[in-house]
Amino acid sequence: MTTSPGDEYLSAARALIENVAAQRDSIHRAADWFAATIQAGRMVHVFGAGHSRILVEEMWPRYGSFPGFNPIVELSLTFHNLVVGANGQRQAMFLENVSGLAARILRNFALAPEDSALVISSSGGGVVAVEMAERFKASGMRVVAMVSRRHAEATPSRDARGLRISDFADLVLDTGAPAGDAMVHVPGLDTAVGPGSTVGGCLLVNAVKAEVAARLTAAGHPPTVLAGAAAVGPERSAALFEAAYDEHARRLARVLAGAGKDE
């Protein structure tokens, strides 16, 4: 039976699952750090430019997720749907390599060593992502980098020093996507289609999230998880959403308090 391009993509996606499964120890270590941050009443800062935004929002807020994560999503770096014209893709791709922008973003937060961070970049070499990881690390917190290792190895860093987010990370997770990200080769088409970094990244994010939930629950502080009415009924679903959003606000207030005091 002839294998279709869709079959090829599904086969490659299965390989991504195996790649994530092989990182079990690293997933557990990241969960240890993130759970400790959340138990301390602080936040795990999650940043990604470009399409890495998808993984930031996969962590929080969505069904099956819980407070404790600070999703740092800059629209100027991630607002892609207009493609061209004002707020288009060209500008976003330019801005994600502007030195100094990370410092302006993080000027809004009072970072602390009790915090932790997850910085996501397939290539690991975008200037803003590198400088975000660098500043998180300089604040004394644990930093986890998520890259597509084969893609990163094949892609020059845009940082003037040649550095990558992994250079400031205590731990590196690999989405398993190939160089160039796309995984399917269509006969007669000289460019591959079907990217894999989002699939691998979502697997990693949710594996870590589940492990964090287990640690918080075992410590006697089960997280307030966003759950749909189809799973828990409309009244409890609404109550969980309100409680989770209130908790997020309280946590964020602590992270915002004192922002810029050292400048």
C-alpha atoms as a PDB file:
ATOM      1  CA  MET A   1       0.000   0.000   0.000  1.00  0.00           C
ATOM      2  CA  THR A   2       1.381   3.398  -1.004  1.00  0.00           C
ATOM      3  CA  THR A   3       2.188   5.772   1.848  1.00  0.00           C
ATOM      4  CA  SER A   4       0.508   9.146   1.439  1.00  0.00           C
ATOM      5  CA  PRO A   5       1.964  12.479   2.625  1.00  0.00           C
ATOM      6  CA  GLY A   6      -0.572  12.473   5.453  1.00  0.00           C
ATOM      7  CA  ASP A   7       0.620   9.013   6.507  1.00  0.00           C
ATOM      8  CA  GLU A   8       4.197  10.266   6.419  1.00  0.00           C
ATOM      9  CA  TYR A   9       3.301  13.153   8.703  1.00  0.00           C
ATOM     10  CA  LEU A  10       1.569  10.865  11.207  1.00  0.00           C
ATOM     11  CA  SER A  11       4.563   8.544  11.185  1.00  0.00           C
ATOM     12  CA  ALA A  12       6.891  11.466  11.869  1.00  0.00           C
ATOM     13  CA  ALA A  13       4.576  12.627  14.659  1.00  0.00           C
ATOM     14  CA  ARG A  14       4.830   9.200  16.298  1.00  0.00           C
ATOM     15  CA  ALA A  15       8.599   9.630  16.292  1.00  0.00           C
ATOM     16  CA  LEU A  16       8.124  12.952  18.100  1.00  0.00           C
ATOM     17  CA  ILE A  17       6.232  11.129  20.842  1.00  0.00           C
ATOM     18  CA  GLU A  18       9.136   8.736  21.259  1.00  0.00           C
ATOM     19  CA  ASN A  19      11.559  11.652  21.363  1.00  0.00           C
ATOM     20  CA  VAL A  20       9.606  13.276  24.181  1.00  0.00           C
ATOM     21  CA  ALA A  21       9.295   9.989  26.072  1.00  0.00           C
ATOM     22  CA  ALA A  22      13.091   9.660  26.006  1.00  0.00           C
ATOM     23  CA  GLN A  23      13.350  12.967  27.917  1.00  0.00           C
ATOM     24  CA  ARG A  24      11.500  11.658  30.966  1.00  0.00           C
ATOM     25  CA  ASP A  25      14.235  12.635  33.441  1.00  0.00           C
ATOM     26  CA  SER A  26      14.443  16.174  32.074  1.00  0.00           C
ATOM     27  CA  ILE A  27      10.661  16.548  32.145  1.00  0.00           C
ATOM     28  CA  HIS A  28      10.639  15.496  35.802  1.00  0.00           C
ATOM     29  CA  ARG A  29      13.435  17.906  36.672  1.00  0.00           C
ATOM     30  CA  ALA A  30      11.635  20.820  35.020  1.00  0.00           C
ATOM     31  CA  ALA A  31       8.460  19.872  36.884  1.00  0.00           C
ATOM     32  CA  ASP A  32      10.359  19.842  40.189  1.00  0.00           C
ATOM     33  CA  TRP A  33      11.554  23.398  39.619  1.00  0.00           C
ATOM     34  CA  PHE A  34       8.226  24.717  38.376  1.00  0.00           C
ATOM     35  CA  ALA A  35       6.278  23.114  41.208  1.00  0.00           C
ATOM     36  CA  ALA A  36       8.660  24.634  43.760  1.00  0.00           C
ATOM     37  CA  THR A  37       8.090  28.077  42.236  1.00  0.00           C
ATOM     38  CA  ILE A  38       4.318  27.710  42.345  1.00  0.00           C
ATOM     39  CA  GLN A  39       4.357  26.399  45.915  1.00  0.00           C
ATOM     40  CA  ALA A  40       6.397  29.474  46.885  1.00  0.00           C
ATOM     41  CA  GLY A  41       3.567  31.682  45.628  1.00  0.00           C
ATOM     42  CA  ARG A  42       5.615  32.906  42.675  1.00  0.00           C
ATOM     43  CA  MET A  43       5.282  32.321  38.919  1.00  0.00           C
ATOM     44  CA  VAL A  44       6.900  30.374  36.117  1.00  0.00           C
ATOM     45  CA  HIS A  45       7.562  32.884  33.330  1.00  0.00           C
ATOM     46  CA  VAL A  46       6.890  31.402  29.889  1.00  0.00           C
ATOM     47  CA  PHE A  47       8.115  33.233  26.778  1.00  0.00           C
ATOM     48  CA  GLY A  48       8.121  32.534  23.072  1.00  0.00           C
ATOM     49  CA  ALA A  49       8.288  34.737  19.985  1.00  0.00           C
ATOM     50  CA  GLY A  50       6.751  33.923  16.618  1.00  0.00           C
ATOM     51  CA  HIS A  51       4.831  30.661  16.448  1.00  0.00           C
ATOM     52  CA  SER A  52       6.329  29.623  19.783  1.00  0.00           C
ATOM     53  CA  ARG A  53       3.485  31.694  21.199  1.00  0.00           C
ATOM     54  CA  ILE A  54       1.296  28.622  20.629  1.00  0.00           C
ATOM     55  CA  LEU A  55       3.245  26.695  23.258  1.00  0.00           C
ATOM     56  CA  VAL A  56       3.106  29.573  25.729  1.00  0.00           C
ATOM     57  CA  GLU A  57      -0.681  29.629  25.525  1.00  0.00           C
ATOM     58  CA  GLU A  58      -0.789  25.835  25.670  1.00  0.00           C
ATOM     59  CA  MET A  59       0.751  26.073  29.129  1.00  0.00           C
ATOM     60  CA  TRP A  60      -1.811  28.594  30.461  1.00  0.00           C
ATOM     61  CA  PRO A  61      -4.662  29.524  30.254  1.00  0.00           C
ATOM     62  CA  ARG A  62      -6.643  26.731  28.619  1.00  0.00           C
ATOM     63  CA  TYR A  63      -8.668  23.677  29.620  1.00  0.00           C
ATOM     64  CA  GLY A  64      -6.564  21.308  31.673  1.00  0.00           C
ATOM     65  CA  SER A  65      -4.199  24.030  32.877  1.00  0.00           C
ATOM     66  CA  PHE A  66      -3.860  25.916  36.151  1.00  0.00           C
ATOM     67  CA  PRO A  67      -2.442  29.125  37.673  1.00  0.00           C
ATOM     68  CA  GLY A  68       1.228  29.559  38.418  1.00  0.00           C
ATOM     69  CA  PHE A  69       2.438  30.316  34.905  1.00  0.00           C
ATOM     70  CA  ASN A  70       2.988  33.829  33.544  1.00  0.00           C
ATOM     71  CA  PRO A  71       2.447  33.738  29.751  1.00  0.00           C
ATOM     72  CA  ILE A  72       4.576  36.534  28.267  1.00  0.00           C
ATOM     73  CA  VAL A  73       3.171  37.009  24.755  1.00  0.00           C
ATOM     74  CA  GLU A  74       4.121  40.237  22.990  1.00  0.00           C
ATOM     75  CA  LEU A  75       1.678  40.987  20.169  1.00  0.00           C
ATOM     76  CA  SER A  76       4.381  42.819  18.225  1.00  0.00           C
ATOM     77  CA  LEU A  77       6.302  39.532  18.024  1.00  0.00           C
ATOM     78  CA  THR A  78       3.420  37.113  17.561  1.00  0.00           C
ATOM     79  CA  PHE A  79       0.463  38.763  15.790  1.00  0.00           C
ATOM     80  CA  HIS A  80       0.654  36.896  12.491  1.00  0.00           C
ATOM     81  CA  ASN A  81      -2.830  36.654  11.084  1.00  0.00           C
ATOM     82  CA  LEU A  82      -2.675  39.890   9.051  1.00  0.00           C
ATOM     83  CA  VAL A  83       0.464  38.532   7.314  1.00  0.00           C
ATOM     84  CA  VAL A  84       1.225  41.751   5.380  1.00  0.00           C
ATOM     85  CA  GLY A  85       0.482  45.441   5.866  1.00  0.00           C
ATOM     86  CA  ALA A  86       0.302  47.055   9.297  1.00  0.00           C
ATOM     87  CA  ASN A  87       1.155  44.560  12.066  1.00  0.00           C
ATOM     88  CA  GLY A  88       2.352  42.084   9.456  1.00  0.00           C
ATOM     89  CA  GLN A  89       4.749  39.184   9.575  1.00  0.00           C
ATOM     90  CA  ARG A  90       7.743  41.122   8.228  1.00  0.00           C
ATOM     91  CA  GLN A  91       7.663  43.485  11.177  1.00  0.00           C
ATOM     92  CA  ALA A  92       7.302  40.663  13.717  1.00  0.00           C
ATOM     93  CA  MET A  93      10.252  38.785  12.234  1.00  0.00           C
ATOM     94  CA  PHE A  94      12.316  41.979  12.358  1.00  0.00           C
ATOM     95  CA  LEU A  95      11.384  42.845  15.931  1.00  0.00           C
ATOM     96  CA  GLU A  96      12.202  39.388  17.312  1.00  0.00           C
ATOM     97  CA  ASN A  97      15.844  40.167  16.487  1.00  0.00           C
ATOM     98  CA  VAL A  98      16.014  43.657  17.997  1.00  0.00           C
ATOM     99  CA  SER A  99      18.451  43.807  20.889  1.00  0.00           C
ATOM    100  CA  GLY A 100      17.127  45.535  23.982  1.00  0.00           C
ATOM    101  CA  LEU A 101      13.468  44.627  23.510  1.00  0.00           C
ATOM    102  CA  ALA A 102      13.691  41.824  26.094  1.00  0.00           C
ATOM    103  CA  ALA A 103      14.876  44.312  28.688  1.00  0.00           C
ATOM    104  CA  ARG A 104      11.920  46.585  27.972  1.00  0.00           C
ATOM    105  CA  ILE A 105       9.487  43.673  28.285  1.00  0.00           C
ATOM    106  CA  LEU A 106      10.934  42.457  31.566  1.00  0.00           C
ATOM    107  CA  ARG A 107      11.037  46.012  32.975  1.00  0.00           C
ATOM    108  CA  ASN A 108       7.363  45.334  33.743  1.00  0.00           C
ATOM    109  CA  PHE A 109       8.123  42.529  36.207  1.00  0.00           C
ATOM    110  CA  ALA A 110       9.941  42.214  39.530  1.00  0.00           C
ATOM    111  CA  LEU A 111      11.826  38.982  38.930  1.00  0.00           C
ATOM    112  CA  ALA A 112      13.047  36.901  41.860  1.00  0.00           C
ATOM    113  CA  PRO A 113      15.260  33.838  42.358  1.00  0.00           C
ATOM    114  CA  GLU A 114      12.180  31.917  43.546  1.00  0.00           C
ATOM    115  CA  ASP A 115      10.689  32.308  40.063  1.00  0.00           C
ATOM    116  CA  SER A 116      11.555  30.001  37.190  1.00  0.00           C
ATOM    117  CA  ALA A 117      11.283  30.316  33.427  1.00  0.00           C
ATOM    118  CA  LEU A 118      10.573  28.408  30.253  1.00  0.00           C
ATOM    119  CA  VAL A 119      11.915  30.070  27.100  1.00  0.00           C
ATOM    120  CA  ILE A 120      10.808  28.559  23.803  1.00  0.00           C
ATOM    121  CA  SER A 121      12.531  29.021  20.433  1.00  0.00           C
ATOM    122  CA  SER A 122      12.920  26.392  17.720  1.00  0.00           C
ATOM    123  CA  SER A 123      16.262  27.763  16.576  1.00  0.00           C
ATOM    124  CA  GLY A 124      17.217  28.964  20.025  1.00  0.00           C
ATOM    125  CA  GLY A 125      18.972  31.911  18.407  1.00  0.00           C
ATOM    126  CA  GLY A 126      16.439  34.720  18.082  1.00  0.00           C
ATOM    127  CA  VAL A 127      17.824  37.857  19.727  1.00  0.00           C
ATOM    128  CA  VAL A 128      14.836  38.617  21.951  1.00  0.00           C
ATOM    129  CA  ALA A 129      14.545  35.003  23.111  1.00  0.00           C
ATOM    130  CA  VAL A 130      18.278  34.846  23.887  1.00  0.00           C
ATOM    131  CA  GLU A 131      18.174  38.072  25.871  1.00  0.00           C
ATOM    132  CA  MET A 132      15.060  36.926  27.729  1.00  0.00           C
ATOM    133  CA  ALA A 133      16.831  33.739  28.809  1.00  0.00           C
ATOM    134  CA  GLU A 134      19.902  35.759  29.732  1.00  0.00           C
ATOM    135  CA  ARG A 135      17.918  38.142  31.948  1.00  0.00           C
ATOM    136  CA  PHE A 136      15.964  35.365  33.593  1.00  0.00           C
ATOM    137  CA  LYS A 137      19.220  33.610  34.426  1.00  0.00           C
ATOM    138  CA  ALA A 138      20.801  36.821  35.721  1.00  0.00           C
ATOM    139  CA  SER A 139      17.910  37.182  38.174  1.00  0.00           C
ATOM    140  CA  GLY A 140      18.994  33.929  39.810  1.00  0.00           C
ATOM    141  CA  MET A 141      16.102  31.717  38.716  1.00  0.00           C
ATOM    142  CA  ARG A 142      16.163  28.297  37.078  1.00  0.00           C
ATOM    143  CA  VAL A 143      15.769  28.530  33.296  1.00  0.00           C
ATOM    144  CA  VAL A 144      14.459  25.780  31.027  1.00  0.00           C
ATOM    145  CA  ALA A 145      15.006  26.164  27.286  1.00  0.00           C
ATOM    146  CA  MET A 146      12.881  24.426  24.682  1.00  0.00           C
ATOM    147  CA  VAL A 147      14.430  24.132  21.231  1.00  0.00           C
ATOM    148  CA  SER A 148      14.311  21.918  18.172  1.00  0.00           C
ATOM    149  CA  ARG A 149      17.839  20.607  18.547  1.00  0.00           C
ATOM    150  CA  ARG A 150      18.438  19.549  14.928  1.00  0.00           C
ATOM    151  CA  HIS A 151      16.975  22.807  13.646  1.00  0.00           C
ATOM    152  CA  ALA A 152      19.076  24.822  16.091  1.00  0.00           C
ATOM    153  CA  GLU A 153      22.254  23.030  15.034  1.00  0.00           C
ATOM    154  CA  ALA A 154      21.544  23.884  11.383  1.00  0.00           C
ATOM    155  CA  THR A 155      20.558  27.523  11.988  1.00  0.00           C
ATOM    156  CA  PRO A 156      23.018  30.343  12.786  1.00  0.00           C
ATOM    157  CA  SER A 157      22.208  32.361  15.878  1.00  0.00           C
ATOM    158  CA  ARG A 158      21.018  35.925  15.234  1.00  0.00           C
ATOM    159  CA  ASP A 159      22.601  37.068  18.481  1.00  0.00           C
ATOM    160  CA  ALA A 160      25.704  39.196  17.825  1.00  0.00           C
ATOM    161  CA  ARG A 161      27.667  37.042  20.273  1.00  0.00           C
ATOM    162  CA  GLY A 162      26.527  33.823  18.633  1.00  0.00           C
ATOM    163  CA  LEU A 163      24.702  32.765  21.797  1.00  0.00           C
ATOM    164  CA  ARG A 164      21.503  30.751  22.109  1.00  0.00           C
ATOM    165  CA  ILE A 165      18.879  30.332  24.805  1.00  0.00           C
ATOM    166  CA  SER A 166      20.550  27.037  25.747  1.00  0.00           C
ATOM    167  CA  ASP A 167      23.633  29.001  26.825  1.00  0.00           C
ATOM    168  CA  PHE A 168      21.615  30.440  29.706  1.00  0.00           C
ATOM    169  CA  ALA A 169      19.566  27.344  30.502  1.00  0.00           C
ATOM    170  CA  ASP A 170      19.860  24.934  33.388  1.00  0.00           C
ATOM    171  CA  LEU A 171      17.972  22.373  31.319  1.00  0.00           C
ATOM    172  CA  VAL A 172      17.202  21.950  27.612  1.00  0.00           C
ATOM    173  CA  LEU A 173      14.136  20.196  26.176  1.00  0.00           C
ATOM    174  CA  ASP A 174      14.052  19.128  22.528  1.00  0.00           C
ATOM    175  CA  THR A 175      10.848  19.132  20.448  1.00  0.00           C
ATOM    176  CA  GLY A 176      12.421  16.599  18.070  1.00  0.00           C
ATOM    177  CA  ALA A 177      11.523  18.518  14.911  1.00  0.00           C
ATOM    178  CA  PRO A 178      14.001  18.306  12.010  1.00  0.00           C
ATOM    179  CA  ALA A 179      16.124  21.089  10.549  1.00  0.00           C
ATOM    180  CA  GLY A 180      13.733  23.419   8.781  1.00  0.00           C
ATOM    181  CA  ASP A 181      10.890  22.105  10.987  1.00  0.00           C
ATOM    182  CA  ALA A 182       8.771  20.659   8.147  1.00  0.00           C
ATOM    183  CA  MET A 183       8.620  16.863   8.129  1.00  0.00           C
ATOM    184  CA  VAL A 184       6.923  15.724   4.893  1.00  0.00           C
ATOM    185  CA  HIS A 185       8.460  15.502   1.425  1.00  0.00           C
ATOM    186  CA  VAL A 186       5.895  15.549  -1.387  1.00  0.00           C
ATOM    187  CA  PRO A 187       7.037  14.082  -4.739  1.00  0.00           C
ATOM    188  CA  GLY A 188       7.634  16.886  -7.220  1.00  0.00           C
ATOM    189  CA  LEU A 189       7.795  19.561  -4.497  1.00  0.00           C
ATOM    190  CA  ASP A 190      11.283  20.708  -3.543  1.00  0.00           C
ATOM    191  CA  THR A 191      10.323  22.140  -0.145  1.00  0.00           C
ATOM    192  CA  ALA A 192       9.042  20.073   2.771  1.00  0.00           C
ATOM    193  CA  VAL A 193       5.656  20.733   4.390  1.00  0.00           C
ATOM    194  CA  GLY A 194       4.059  19.928   7.741  1.00  0.00           C
ATOM    195  CA  PRO A 195       6.045  21.414  10.651  1.00  0.00           C
ATOM    196  CA  GLY A 196       6.694  19.326  13.734  1.00  0.00           C
ATOM    197  CA  SER A 197       7.918  21.711  16.432  1.00  0.00           C
ATOM    198  CA  THR A 198       4.417  22.601  17.616  1.00  0.00           C
ATOM    199  CA  VAL A 199       3.463  18.931  18.008  1.00  0.00           C
ATOM    200  CA  GLY A 200       6.653  18.068  19.879  1.00  0.00           C
ATOM    201  CA  GLY A 201       6.445  21.247  21.920  1.00  0.00           C
ATOM    202  CA  CYS A 202       2.841  20.631  22.965  1.00  0.00           C
ATOM    203  CA  LEU A 203       3.766  17.127  24.069  1.00  0.00           C
ATOM    204  CA  LEU A 204       6.586  18.484  26.212  1.00  0.00           C
ATOM    205  CA  VAL A 205       4.539  21.325  27.690  1.00  0.00           C
ATOM    206  CA  ASN A 206       1.673  19.071  28.701  1.00  0.00           C
ATOM    207  CA  ALA A 207       3.932  16.330  30.057  1.00  0.00           C
ATOM    208  CA  VAL A 208       5.628  18.930  32.262  1.00  0.00           C
ATOM    209  CA  LYS A 209       2.257  20.415  33.242  1.00  0.00           C
ATOM    210  CA  ALA A 210       0.910  17.021  34.315  1.00  0.00           C
ATOM    211  CA  GLU A 211       4.009  16.353  36.401  1.00  0.00           C
ATOM    212  CA  VAL A 212       3.703  19.756  38.079  1.00  0.00           C
ATOM    213  CA  ALA A 213       0.057  19.049  38.918  1.00  0.00           C
ATOM    214  CA  ALA A 214       1.074  15.730  40.486  1.00  0.00           C
ATOM    215  CA  ARG A 215       3.720  17.402  42.637  1.00  0.00           C
ATOM    216  CA  LEU A 216       1.399  20.159  43.839  1.00  0.00           C
ATOM    217  CA  THR A 217      -1.297  17.625  44.675  1.00  0.00           C
ATOM    218  CA  ALA A 218       1.127  15.356  46.550  1.00  0.00           C
ATOM    219  CA  ALA A 219       2.267  18.395  48.559  1.00  0.00           C
ATOM    220  CA  GLY A 220      -1.325  19.030  49.667  1.00  0.00           C
ATOM    221  CA  HIS A 221      -1.877  21.984  47.342  1.00  0.00           C
ATOM    222  CA  PRO A 222      -3.839  20.623  44.370  1.00  0.00           C
ATOM    223  CA  PRO A 223      -4.008  23.177  41.553  1.00  0.00           C
ATOM    224  CA  THR A 224      -7.196  24.909  40.465  1.00  0.00           C
ATOM    225  CA  VAL A 225      -7.569  23.400  37.007  1.00  0.00           C
ATOM    226  CA  LEU A 226      -9.679  24.965  34.264  1.00  0.00           C
ATOM    227  CA  ALA A 227     -12.290  22.346  33.381  1.00  0.00           C
ATOM    228  CA  GLY A 228     -15.099  22.417  30.846  1.00  0.00           C
ATOM    229  CA  ALA A 229     -18.781  22.073  31.640  1.00  0.00           C
ATOM    230  CA  ALA A 230     -18.826  18.823  29.670  1.00  0.00           C
ATOM    231  CA  ALA A 231     -16.467  17.323  32.237  1.00  0.00           C
ATOM    232  CA  VAL A 232     -17.585  18.823  35.570  1.00  0.00           C
ATOM    233  CA  GLY A 233     -20.925  20.489  34.908  1.00  0.00           C
ATOM    234  CA  PRO A 234     -21.609  24.168  34.180  1.00  0.00           C
ATOM    235  CA  GLU A 235     -21.675  25.436  37.760  1.00  0.00           C
ATOM    236  CA  ARG A 236     -18.391  23.884  38.839  1.00  0.00           C
ATOM    237  CA  SER A 237     -16.762  24.812  35.538  1.00  0.00           C
ATOM    238  CA  ALA A 238     -17.705  28.469  36.034  1.00  0.00           C
ATOM    239  CA  ALA A 239     -16.516  28.394  39.650  1.00  0.00           C
ATOM    240  CA  LEU A 240     -13.166  26.883  38.663  1.00  0.00           C
ATOM    241  CA  PHE A 241     -12.587  29.507  35.991  1.00  0.00           C
ATOM    242  CA  GLU A 242     -13.323  32.371  38.401  1.00  0.00           C
ATOM    243  CA  ALA A 243     -11.148  30.873  41.131  1.00  0.00           C
ATOM    244  CA  ALA A 244      -8.262  30.206  38.740  1.00  0.00           C
ATOM    245  CA  TYR A 245      -8.372  33.710  37.269  1.00  0.00           C
ATOM    246  CA  ASP A 246      -8.503  35.237  40.755  1.00  0.00           C
ATOM    247  CA  GLU A 247      -5.477  33.190  41.799  1.00  0.00           C
ATOM    248  CA  HIS A 248      -3.606  34.238  38.661  1.00  0.00           C
ATOM    249  CA  ALA A 249      -4.321  37.890  39.465  1.00  0.00           C
ATOM    250  CA  ARG A 250      -3.006  37.528  43.005  1.00  0.00           C
ATOM    251  CA  ARG A 251       0.154  35.771  41.829  1.00  0.00           C
ATOM    252  CA  LEU A 252       0.762  38.311  39.084  1.00  0.00           C
ATOM    253  CA  ALA A 253       0.291  41.169  41.536  1.00  0.00           C
ATOM    254  CA  ARG A 254       3.273  39.852  43.512  1.00  0.00           C
ATOM    255  CA  VAL A 255       5.375  39.655  40.340  1.00  0.00           C
ATOM    256  CA  LEU A 256       4.394  43.178  39.279  1.00  0.00           C
ATOM    257  CA  ALA A 257       4.980  44.736  42.691  1.00  0.00           C
ATOM    258  CA  GLY A 258       8.296  46.544  42.774  1.00  0.00           C
ATOM    259  CA  ALA A 259       8.917  46.302  39.023  1.00  0.00           C
ATOM    260  CA  GLY A 260      11.886  48.406  37.988  1.00  0.00           C
ATOM    261  CA  LYS A 261      12.939  49.194  41.555  1.00  0.00           C
ATOM    262  CA  ASP A 262      16.562  48.331  40.793  1.00  0.00           C
ATOM    263  CA  GLU A 263      16.782  50.600  37.742  1.00  0.00           C
END
